[in-house]
Protein backbone atom coordinates (compact mmCIF):
# COMPACT_ATOMS: atom_id res chain seq x y z
CA MET A 1 -42.70 0.13 79.22
CA THR A 2 -45.01 0.31 82.21
CA ASP A 3 -47.69 2.49 81.09
CA LEU A 4 -50.17 2.51 77.81
CA SER A 5 -48.51 5.74 75.33
CA ARG A 6 -52.51 6.61 74.15
CA ILE A 7 -53.02 9.79 72.12
CA TRP A 8 -56.61 10.57 73.27
CA GLU A 9 -57.29 12.61 76.34
CA PRO A 10 -57.93 10.08 79.26
CA ALA A 11 -61.00 10.86 79.68
CA THR A 12 -61.66 8.71 76.16
CA TYR A 13 -60.89 5.33 77.56
CA GLY A 14 -63.17 5.66 80.31
CA PRO A 15 -66.57 5.29 81.36
CA GLY A 16 -67.80 8.48 80.69
CA PRO A 17 -68.04 8.30 76.69
CA ILE A 18 -70.04 5.35 76.57
CA ARG A 19 -72.21 5.92 80.74
CA ASP A 20 -75.80 6.77 77.61
CA CYS A 21 -74.89 3.92 75.21
CA TRP A 22 -78.09 2.62 74.54
CA TRP A 23 -76.20 -1.06 73.40
CA GLY A 24 -75.79 -1.57 76.71
CA GLN A 25 -79.28 -1.60 77.39
CA ASP A 26 -79.92 -5.68 77.01
CA VAL A 27 -76.31 -7.24 76.76
CA PRO A 28 -74.42 -6.43 79.88
CA PRO A 29 -70.36 -6.86 79.82
CA GLY A 30 -70.86 -10.73 80.94
CA ASP A 31 -67.98 -11.81 83.19
CA TRP A 32 -64.56 -12.41 82.31
CA PRO A 33 -62.07 -12.65 85.06
CA ALA A 34 -58.74 -10.64 84.60
CA LEU A 35 -55.32 -13.04 84.06
CA THR A 36 -53.26 -13.54 87.44
CA GLY A 37 -50.37 -15.36 87.68
CA GLU A 38 -48.33 -16.89 84.99
CA ALA A 39 -50.03 -19.11 81.88
CA ARG A 40 -49.23 -20.61 78.35
CA THR A 41 -50.89 -20.76 74.96
CA GLN A 42 -49.57 -21.32 71.04
CA VAL A 43 -52.47 -17.64 70.45
CA ALA A 44 -52.35 -14.06 72.44
CA VAL A 45 -54.83 -12.28 71.47
CA ILE A 46 -55.15 -8.01 72.70
CA GLY A 47 -58.14 -7.45 71.93
CA ALA A 48 -61.69 -8.06 71.93
CA GLY A 49 -63.36 -6.47 69.80
CA TYR A 50 -64.25 -7.81 66.38
CA THR A 51 -61.31 -8.53 65.14
CA GLY A 52 -59.73 -10.37 68.55
CA LEU A 53 -62.86 -12.08 68.92
CA SER A 54 -63.39 -13.08 64.93
CA ALA A 55 -59.73 -14.13 65.21
CA ALA A 56 -60.07 -16.29 68.29
CA LEU A 57 -62.73 -17.59 67.40
CA HIS A 58 -61.43 -19.00 64.12
CA LEU A 59 -58.46 -20.56 65.94
CA ALA A 60 -59.70 -22.32 68.62
CA GLU A 61 -62.45 -23.82 65.98
CA ALA A 62 -59.65 -25.25 64.11
CA GLY A 63 -57.97 -26.30 67.36
CA ALA A 64 -55.18 -23.89 68.39
CA GLU A 65 -55.00 -22.78 71.74
CA VAL A 66 -55.62 -19.26 72.13
CA THR A 67 -56.26 -16.29 74.95
CA VAL A 68 -57.48 -13.10 74.26
CA LEU A 69 -56.81 -10.45 76.88
CA GLU A 70 -58.80 -7.02 77.02
CA ALA A 71 -58.01 -4.13 79.22
CA GLU A 72 -61.79 -3.30 80.14
CA HIS A 73 -64.99 -5.91 78.78
CA PRO A 74 -64.69 -7.68 76.09
CA PHE A 75 -66.87 -5.59 73.30
CA TRP A 76 -66.03 -3.14 75.71
CA GLY A 77 -64.37 0.22 72.49
CA ALA A 78 -65.23 0.68 69.30
CA SER A 79 -67.49 -2.80 69.16
CA GLY A 80 -70.01 -2.61 71.51
CA ARG A 81 -70.38 1.34 70.88
CA ASN A 82 -70.93 1.75 66.78
CA GLY A 83 -73.70 2.50 64.84
CA GLY A 84 -74.27 -0.69 63.72
CA PHE A 85 -73.74 -0.64 59.84
CA CYS A 86 -72.44 -3.94 58.55
CA CYS A 87 -71.67 -3.09 55.34
CA LEU A 88 -69.53 -2.70 52.36
CA GLY A 89 -66.47 -0.41 53.35
CA GLY A 90 -63.16 -0.18 55.27
CA ALA A 91 -61.46 1.82 52.91
CA LYS A 92 -61.81 5.39 52.59
CA ALA A 93 -59.30 5.85 49.33
CA ASP A 94 -61.65 5.53 47.07
CA HIS A 95 -60.94 2.93 43.99
CA ALA A 96 -59.46 4.95 41.61
CA THR A 97 -56.74 6.29 43.98
CA ILE A 98 -55.79 2.85 45.37
CA ALA A 99 -55.78 1.62 41.15
CA ARG A 100 -53.31 4.41 40.92
CA LYS A 101 -51.56 2.78 43.55
CA PHE A 102 -51.75 -0.80 43.22
CA GLY A 103 -52.69 -1.49 39.97
CA GLU A 104 -56.53 -2.06 39.13
CA ALA A 105 -57.15 -5.73 39.55
CA GLU A 106 -55.38 -5.39 43.69
CA ALA A 107 -58.48 -2.33 43.61
CA ARG A 108 -60.67 -4.93 42.52
CA ALA A 109 -59.95 -7.57 44.76
CA LEU A 110 -60.58 -4.75 47.62
CA ALA A 111 -63.86 -4.20 46.59
CA ARG A 112 -64.12 -8.23 46.57
CA ALA A 113 -62.70 -8.41 49.88
CA GLU A 114 -65.47 -5.40 50.89
CA ARG A 115 -67.70 -7.83 49.92
CA ALA A 116 -66.67 -11.12 51.49
CA ALA A 117 -67.02 -9.50 54.72
CA VAL A 118 -69.97 -8.39 54.51
CA GLU A 119 -70.57 -12.22 53.26
CA LEU A 120 -68.95 -13.62 56.35
CA VAL A 121 -70.61 -11.32 59.05
CA ASP A 122 -73.78 -12.58 57.37
CA ALA A 123 -72.81 -16.38 57.73
CA THR A 124 -71.00 -15.81 60.98
CA ILE A 125 -75.01 -14.75 62.37
CA ALA A 126 -76.63 -18.02 60.86
CA ARG A 127 -74.01 -20.33 61.65
CA LEU A 128 -74.16 -19.25 64.98
CA GLY A 129 -77.94 -18.53 65.08
CA LEU A 130 -77.09 -14.88 66.63
CA ASP A 131 -80.35 -13.05 67.41
CA VAL A 132 -79.07 -8.95 66.63
CA ASP A 133 -82.11 -7.29 65.56
CA ARG A 134 -81.35 -7.67 61.72
CA HIS A 135 -82.81 -5.12 58.90
CA SER A 136 -82.48 -3.20 56.43
CA GLU A 137 -82.09 -4.46 52.55
CA GLY A 138 -78.50 -3.11 52.11
CA GLU A 139 -77.22 0.31 52.59
CA THR A 140 -78.89 3.47 51.41
CA ARG A 141 -76.49 7.16 50.77
CA LEU A 142 -78.58 9.81 50.20
CA ALA A 143 -77.64 13.81 48.13
CA HIS A 144 -77.03 16.74 50.54
CA ARG A 145 -76.62 18.06 46.40
CA PRO A 146 -78.18 18.30 43.72
CA ARG A 147 -74.87 17.29 41.93
CA ASP A 148 -74.12 14.29 44.39
CA ALA A 149 -77.52 12.79 43.46
CA GLU A 150 -76.34 12.79 39.02
CA ALA A 151 -72.78 11.29 40.00
CA MET A 152 -74.74 8.90 42.34
CA ARG A 153 -76.78 8.46 39.12
CA ALA A 154 -73.80 8.08 36.76
CA GLY A 155 -71.61 5.58 38.53
CA ILE A 156 -74.16 2.52 39.10
CA SER A 157 -72.59 0.76 35.71
CA HIS A 158 -69.20 0.99 38.14
CA ILE A 159 -71.06 -0.80 40.92
CA ARG A 160 -72.70 -3.30 38.94
CA ASP A 161 -69.06 -4.21 37.58
CA LEU A 162 -66.65 -3.62 41.09
CA TYR A 163 -69.26 -5.50 43.29
CA GLY A 164 -71.96 -7.62 41.65
CA VAL A 165 -74.57 -6.32 42.44
CA THR A 166 -76.95 -3.92 40.47
CA PRO A 167 -78.70 -0.49 42.75
CA THR A 168 -81.36 0.78 43.21
CA PHE A 169 -81.52 5.41 42.26
CA LEU A 170 -84.29 7.29 43.27
CA SER A 171 -84.71 10.65 42.59
CA ARG A 172 -85.90 13.66 44.85
CA ALA A 173 -89.90 13.09 43.44
CA ASP A 174 -89.62 9.05 44.55
CA LEU A 175 -88.14 9.86 48.38
CA PRO A 176 -91.04 10.79 50.01
CA GLY A 177 -92.55 7.31 48.67
CA ALA A 178 -90.07 5.11 49.87
CA GLY A 179 -90.42 6.80 53.37
CA MET A 180 -87.64 9.21 52.94
CA THR A 181 -88.68 12.60 53.23
CA GLY A 182 -85.77 14.78 53.96
CA PRO A 183 -83.42 17.90 52.60
CA PHE A 184 -81.81 15.44 49.73
CA HIS A 185 -81.65 15.07 46.34
CA GLY A 186 -81.23 11.35 45.60
CA ALA A 187 -80.48 8.27 47.13
CA LEU A 188 -78.66 5.21 46.11
CA THR A 189 -79.52 1.58 47.52
CA ILE A 190 -76.77 -0.40 47.27
CA PRO A 191 -78.09 -4.49 47.77
CA LEU A 192 -75.04 -5.40 49.94
CA GLY A 193 -75.37 -5.57 53.90
CA PHE A 194 -77.76 -4.87 56.80
CA ALA A 195 -77.84 -3.53 60.08
CA LEU A 196 -77.61 -4.78 63.82
CA ASN A 197 -77.19 -4.35 66.87
CA PRO A 198 -73.39 -4.26 67.06
CA ARG A 199 -73.11 -5.40 70.39
CA LYS A 200 -75.19 -8.13 70.35
CA TYR A 201 -73.28 -9.60 67.26
CA ALA A 202 -70.09 -9.44 69.50
CA ALA A 203 -70.99 -11.00 72.65
CA GLY A 204 -72.66 -13.38 70.59
CA LEU A 205 -68.92 -13.97 68.81
CA ALA A 206 -67.44 -14.05 72.55
CA ARG A 207 -70.27 -17.08 73.48
CA ALA A 208 -68.40 -18.54 70.34
CA ALA A 209 -65.35 -18.15 70.89
CA SER A 210 -65.24 -19.08 74.15
CA ASP A 211 -67.27 -22.22 74.29
CA ALA A 212 -64.97 -23.22 70.41
CA GLY A 213 -62.56 -23.49 73.03
CA ALA A 214 -60.91 -19.71 73.44
CA VAL A 215 -59.98 -17.94 77.40
CA ILE A 216 -60.72 -13.87 77.16
CA HIS A 217 -59.52 -12.36 80.11
CA GLY A 218 -61.48 -9.47 80.89
CA HIS A 219 -59.17 -5.88 83.19
CA SER A 220 -56.20 -6.79 81.55
CA ALA A 221 -54.65 -4.30 80.09
CA VAL A 222 -51.34 -5.95 78.26
CA ILE A 223 -48.54 -2.86 79.68
CA ARG A 224 -46.05 -5.30 77.93
CA VAL A 225 -44.74 -7.28 75.47
CA GLU A 226 -41.40 -8.93 75.27
CA PRO A 227 -39.27 -11.84 73.59
CA ALA A 228 -39.79 -15.36 74.79
CA THR A 229 -36.66 -17.31 76.16
CA GLY A 230 -36.63 -19.74 72.65
CA GLY A 231 -38.46 -18.21 70.89
CA GLY A 232 -42.65 -16.34 70.92
CA HIS A 233 -43.50 -13.94 73.41
CA VAL A 234 -44.31 -12.66 76.62
CA LEU A 235 -47.02 -11.01 78.20
CA HIS A 236 -47.56 -8.86 80.79
CA THR A 237 -50.53 -7.77 83.11
CA ALA A 238 -51.17 -6.12 85.70
CA GLN A 239 -51.60 -9.32 87.67
CA GLY A 240 -50.16 -11.81 85.61
CA LYS A 241 -47.60 -13.47 82.85
CA LEU A 242 -48.89 -14.95 79.62
CA ARG A 243 -46.46 -16.82 77.57
CA ALA A 244 -47.80 -17.71 73.75
CA ASP A 245 -46.11 -18.23 70.39
CA ARG A 246 -47.95 -16.31 68.68
CA LEU A 247 -49.25 -13.16 69.08
CA ILE A 248 -52.46 -10.88 67.05
CA VAL A 249 -52.19 -6.94 68.06
CA ALA A 250 -56.41 -5.97 67.86
CA THR A 251 -56.50 -3.23 69.41
CA ASN A 252 -57.33 -0.40 66.30
CA GLY A 253 -58.80 2.90 67.63
CA TYR A 254 -58.09 2.27 70.57
CA SER A 255 -54.11 1.44 70.47
CA SER A 256 -50.88 2.47 71.98
CA GLU A 257 -47.96 3.84 70.92
CA ASN A 258 -46.05 1.11 72.89
CA LEU A 259 -47.61 -1.89 71.98
CA PRO A 260 -45.70 -2.94 70.32
CA PRO A 261 -43.79 0.23 69.44
CA TRP A 262 -44.11 -0.92 65.41
CA LEU A 263 -46.88 0.93 65.91
CA ALA A 264 -46.42 4.48 66.64
CA GLY A 265 -47.79 7.08 64.80
CA ARG A 266 -49.87 4.25 62.67
CA TYR A 267 -52.30 5.09 63.41
CA LEU A 268 -54.99 8.02 64.20
CA PRO A 269 -58.07 7.20 65.80
CA THR A 270 -61.05 10.34 65.76
CA GLN A 271 -63.91 10.42 67.61
CA SER A 272 -67.81 9.18 66.13
CA SER A 273 -70.44 10.27 68.00
CA VAL A 274 -73.66 8.66 68.59
CA LEU A 275 -77.56 9.88 70.00
CA VAL A 276 -80.52 8.39 69.61
CA THR A 277 -84.72 9.01 70.27
CA ARG A 278 -87.19 7.13 72.53
CA PRO A 279 -89.11 5.51 70.48
CA LEU A 280 -91.30 7.31 67.74
CA SER A 281 -95.18 7.25 67.40
CA ASP A 282 -96.82 6.05 64.21
CA ASP A 283 -97.83 9.27 63.61
CA GLU A 284 -94.42 11.15 64.60
CA LEU A 285 -93.20 8.93 61.86
CA ALA A 286 -95.82 10.23 59.93
CA ALA A 287 -95.31 13.96 60.36
CA GLN A 288 -91.77 14.10 59.23
CA GLY A 289 -92.15 10.97 56.06
CA TRP A 290 -89.12 9.03 57.67
CA THR A 291 -90.43 5.71 57.64
CA THR A 292 -87.91 3.98 56.37
CA HIS A 293 -86.43 0.87 58.12
CA GLN A 294 -83.38 1.52 55.78
CA MET A 295 -79.49 1.96 57.36
CA CYS A 296 -78.44 5.69 55.48
CA TYR A 297 -75.97 8.23 55.54
CA ASP A 298 -75.37 10.53 53.42
CA THR A 299 -72.51 12.05 50.75
CA ARG A 300 -70.42 14.59 53.49
CA HIS A 301 -67.17 14.21 53.36
CA LEU A 302 -67.97 14.55 57.00
CA LEU A 303 -71.05 12.47 57.27
CA HIS A 304 -74.29 11.47 59.00
CA TYR A 305 -74.99 7.97 59.67
CA PHE A 306 -78.66 7.43 60.87
CA ARG A 307 -81.33 4.52 60.44
CA LEU A 308 -84.78 3.78 62.10
CA MET A 309 -84.21 0.67 64.22
CA PRO A 310 -86.67 -1.61 64.49
CA ASP A 311 -88.36 -0.15 67.81
CA ASN A 312 -88.38 2.66 66.18
CA ARG A 313 -85.91 5.24 68.24
CA MET A 314 -83.87 6.89 65.53
CA LEU A 315 -80.70 6.17 66.33
CA PHE A 316 -78.07 9.45 64.05
CA GLY A 317 -74.18 10.32 64.04
CA MET A 318 -72.15 12.00 62.97
CA ARG A 319 -67.50 12.59 63.30
CA GLY A 320 -66.77 13.47 66.57
CA GLY A 321 -65.35 15.91 68.37
CA LEU A 322 -61.38 16.68 68.28
CA ALA A 323 -61.24 16.43 71.80
CA HIS A 324 -62.53 14.66 74.55
CA THR A 325 -62.52 17.38 76.81
CA PRO A 326 -66.30 18.50 79.05
CA ARG A 327 -66.52 21.61 76.47
CA ALA A 328 -65.80 20.08 73.95
CA GLU A 329 -68.18 17.56 74.47
CA THR A 330 -71.13 19.75 75.00
CA ALA A 331 -70.72 21.45 72.14
CA ILE A 332 -70.08 18.29 69.91
CA ARG A 333 -74.03 17.54 71.79
CA ALA A 334 -75.32 20.59 71.11
CA LYS A 335 -73.76 19.75 67.01
CA ILE A 336 -74.97 16.72 66.49
CA ARG A 337 -78.85 17.37 68.31
CA ALA A 338 -78.66 20.56 65.68
CA ASP A 339 -77.55 18.34 62.95
CA PHE A 340 -80.67 16.18 64.02
CA ASP A 341 -83.08 18.95 63.95
CA ALA A 342 -82.09 20.24 60.59
CA MET A 343 -82.55 17.08 59.13
CA PHE A 344 -85.71 15.54 60.66
CA PRO A 345 -87.85 19.10 61.60
CA ALA A 346 -90.75 17.67 62.97
CA TRP A 347 -88.83 15.90 65.77
CA SER A 348 -86.93 18.91 66.84
CA GLU A 349 -88.81 18.39 70.59
CA VAL A 350 -88.27 14.10 70.34
CA ALA A 351 -86.24 13.98 73.09
CA THR A 352 -82.70 11.93 72.63
CA PRO A 353 -81.84 10.45 76.21
CA HIS A 354 -78.55 8.50 74.73
CA TYR A 355 -76.01 10.02 73.37
CA TRP A 356 -71.99 8.07 73.68
CA SER A 357 -69.05 8.27 71.44
CA GLY A 358 -65.68 6.14 70.44
CA LEU A 359 -63.27 5.84 68.74
CA VAL A 360 -62.79 4.86 64.68
CA CYS A 361 -59.40 4.50 63.33
CA LEU A 362 -57.58 6.28 59.87
CA SER A 363 -54.18 5.11 58.27
CA ARG A 364 -52.31 6.99 56.62
CA ASP A 365 -52.62 6.36 53.00
CA LEU A 366 -56.01 5.09 54.04
CA LEU A 367 -56.47 1.21 53.83
CA PRO A 368 -56.98 -1.01 56.19
CA TYR A 369 -54.23 -3.21 57.42
CA ALA A 370 -54.24 -6.91 58.17
CA GLY A 371 -50.88 -8.15 58.13
CA PRO A 372 -47.42 -9.57 60.26
CA ILE A 373 -45.63 -6.76 62.23
CA PRO A 374 -42.18 -6.08 60.36
CA GLY A 375 -39.68 -6.64 63.27
CA LEU A 376 -41.19 -8.77 65.33
CA LYS A 377 -41.39 -12.55 64.45
CA GLY A 378 -44.30 -14.44 65.04
CA ALA A 379 -46.46 -11.32 65.62
CA PHE A 380 -49.73 -10.02 63.72
CA ALA A 381 -51.96 -7.03 63.50
CA GLY A 382 -55.23 -5.30 62.61
CA PHE A 383 -56.29 -1.82 62.38
CA ALA A 384 -57.62 0.84 60.22
CA TRP A 385 -61.19 -0.29 59.38
CA HIS A 386 -62.69 3.53 58.66
CA GLY A 387 -65.52 3.66 60.69
CA ASN A 388 -66.90 -0.40 58.35
CA GLY A 389 -64.93 -2.18 62.09
CA VAL A 390 -68.03 -4.80 61.22
CA ALA A 391 -67.28 -6.48 58.49
CA MET A 392 -64.09 -5.84 58.00
CA GLY A 393 -62.77 -6.37 61.31
CA THR A 394 -64.76 -9.57 61.49
CA HIS A 395 -63.38 -10.50 57.94
CA ALA A 396 -59.65 -8.90 58.85
CA GLY A 397 -59.54 -10.96 62.54
CA ALA A 398 -60.06 -14.87 60.68
CA ILE A 399 -57.56 -13.49 57.63
CA LEU A 400 -54.99 -12.63 61.23
CA ALA A 401 -55.98 -15.88 62.59
CA ASP A 402 -54.91 -17.96 59.06
CA LEU A 403 -51.37 -16.08 59.33
CA ALA A 404 -50.91 -16.92 62.83
CA LEU A 405 -51.76 -20.79 61.53
CA ASP A 406 -48.84 -20.52 59.16
CA ARG A 407 -51.47 -21.11 56.66
CA THR A 408 -52.63 -19.13 53.79
CA PRO A 409 -55.66 -16.87 54.08
CA GLN A 410 -58.71 -18.49 52.73
CA ARG A 411 -60.50 -15.11 52.51
CA PRO A 412 -59.49 -11.93 50.18
CA TRP A 413 -56.10 -10.92 51.82
CA PRO A 414 -55.76 -8.01 48.34
CA ALA A 415 -52.27 -5.91 48.92
CA PRO A 416 -53.64 -2.50 50.00
CA MET A 417 -54.65 -4.72 53.01
CA ARG A 418 -50.85 -6.05 52.51
CA HIS A 419 -49.09 -3.33 52.22
CA THR A 420 -47.38 -2.03 54.99
CA PRO A 421 -49.35 2.34 56.18
CA ARG A 422 -46.92 4.71 56.88
CA ARG A 423 -46.13 6.77 59.68
CA PHE A 424 -48.45 9.74 60.08
CA PRO A 425 -46.48 13.21 59.97
CA LEU A 426 -45.32 14.88 64.38
CA GLY A 427 -46.08 11.94 66.15
CA ARG A 428 -48.10 11.75 69.28
CA PHE A 429 -48.91 15.37 68.34
CA ARG A 430 -50.77 13.83 65.18
CA ARG A 431 -54.04 15.18 66.48
CA LEU A 432 -53.37 18.51 65.40
CA LEU A 433 -53.81 16.97 61.89
CA MET A 434 -57.14 16.20 62.14
CA ARG A 435 -58.10 20.36 62.47
CA PRO A 436 -57.14 21.20 59.18
CA ALA A 437 -58.53 18.42 57.54
CA TYR A 438 -62.06 18.58 59.27
CA LEU A 439 -61.83 22.27 57.68
CA ARG A 440 -60.78 21.05 54.62
CA TYR A 441 -63.95 18.67 54.72
CA TRP A 442 -65.87 21.37 55.91
CA LEU A 443 -65.99 23.44 53.28
CA SER A 444 -65.63 21.36 50.33
CA ASP A 445 -69.13 20.09 51.58
CA PHE A 446 -71.40 23.56 50.49
C-alpha cells in the first residue's frame, strides 16, 4: 500500500477548490513541520480537522502522549472551508427512522448527543478564549413551500420534547419584520447553536492541543499502517515512521479506501459549494429586506444554507456537483449563483468574489459513527457527520479520546453512533449512486 486510494477526481484533493476561500483571508495555515525519521507515541491521530484536533486536545489534557499526522496542514479539509454552522445534526436519517431501528430511547439519546455536541463547542470556545466571529441565536429553518410551514408549526411540540427548548415560529407575514424577506412561507428558529468562522475555531483547537502537549505534523500523509511487533501500529509517511499503541482515524470525507481497508465503501464523500459576497451596504440590505444575522437553511432536500456575516458579507451554500472537473465546476458555480440571484434578486448585481468547494461525508444508514475499527485492535474511527461536523465532529473527537484511553466515554454515545456502518453498493464506484438520489431529491423539492 503506497498510495491513498480516494474515489473523487484527483483535483478534488488539490489546492484548486479552496483557492478563493474566504476563510483563508485572515487565518494562515501556520507552521506545522512534517514528520521526519522515527518517532514513538501513545496515541496516533490521522487527520487534523475538528474530530482529530478535538481528540488530540482531550488526550493531551488527560496527560496522554498524542501525535497528529495531517496530509496537508491542520484544518485544510472540510474543517477549514465549511459554512460555519454549529448546530444540531450529525445524522441525515430522521427521528422516526432511527427509532424504528434502535428504539425510541436510543433515538432520544442521539438527540441528547446532538445538543451535547453544540454545548461542547460553546464550552470549548469559552474555556479556550477563542475569537471565532460568533453570531446568531440558534438556527432558523425557512419553508420553501406552504406545506413545509404547516409541518413546522405542527412539529413544535416534538422539538420541545426532544431537545428541551421551545422553537419560535414565524408566519410568512411575519418574515419581513424579522428581516427575512424572500421566497419563503414561514420560519422556525430552534434556540440551540450559533454561527462562527470555522477556520478560526479549528485553528484555535490546533493551538490549544499543541499548547497542551500534542505533537502535530502537517504535510505528513500516512501511506501505510501495519501492525507493530509486540502490539500497536506503525504509521508510515513519505519521510518518517511513527509507532503508536493506539490509533484514531479522523479523515471523514477525505478518507481513503485503503487507510485502513475496513473503511472501503463505508463512507461516501459528497461535494458542497459556497460563495461569499463583498460587504453589503445598509441600503442594499434594505433593498432586499434581508437584515437578520441568523444562520439559516431552507426545507429542500438539496438544501441551501446562508447567513449574513458580522461584516455584512452574505454567505450562501448548497450541494455541489457530482464530479470535480473543469466543466462540472463551471456548471455548479453558475448554478449556485443562479440560485442565489433567485432567492435574493435585489443582489443580483452584487459581486461574489469568493467561491470554493469541499467534501462532506455520508454513511449508508445516514448516521454518524464514532467507535472501534473491527479487526484492528486498539484502533478507532470517527466519520459521517452529514454536513454538521462543527458540533458532531468535536463531540466525536472527545468520545474517541476516551476510547483510546480505555475509558467509558464521558459524553453521550448512543447506539446509533456505535452502530458499525454498512458498506455502500458498487464499491469504489458508489458515487454513481448520487445521480439517481439527487434526481429523486430534486423532484421531491417541488
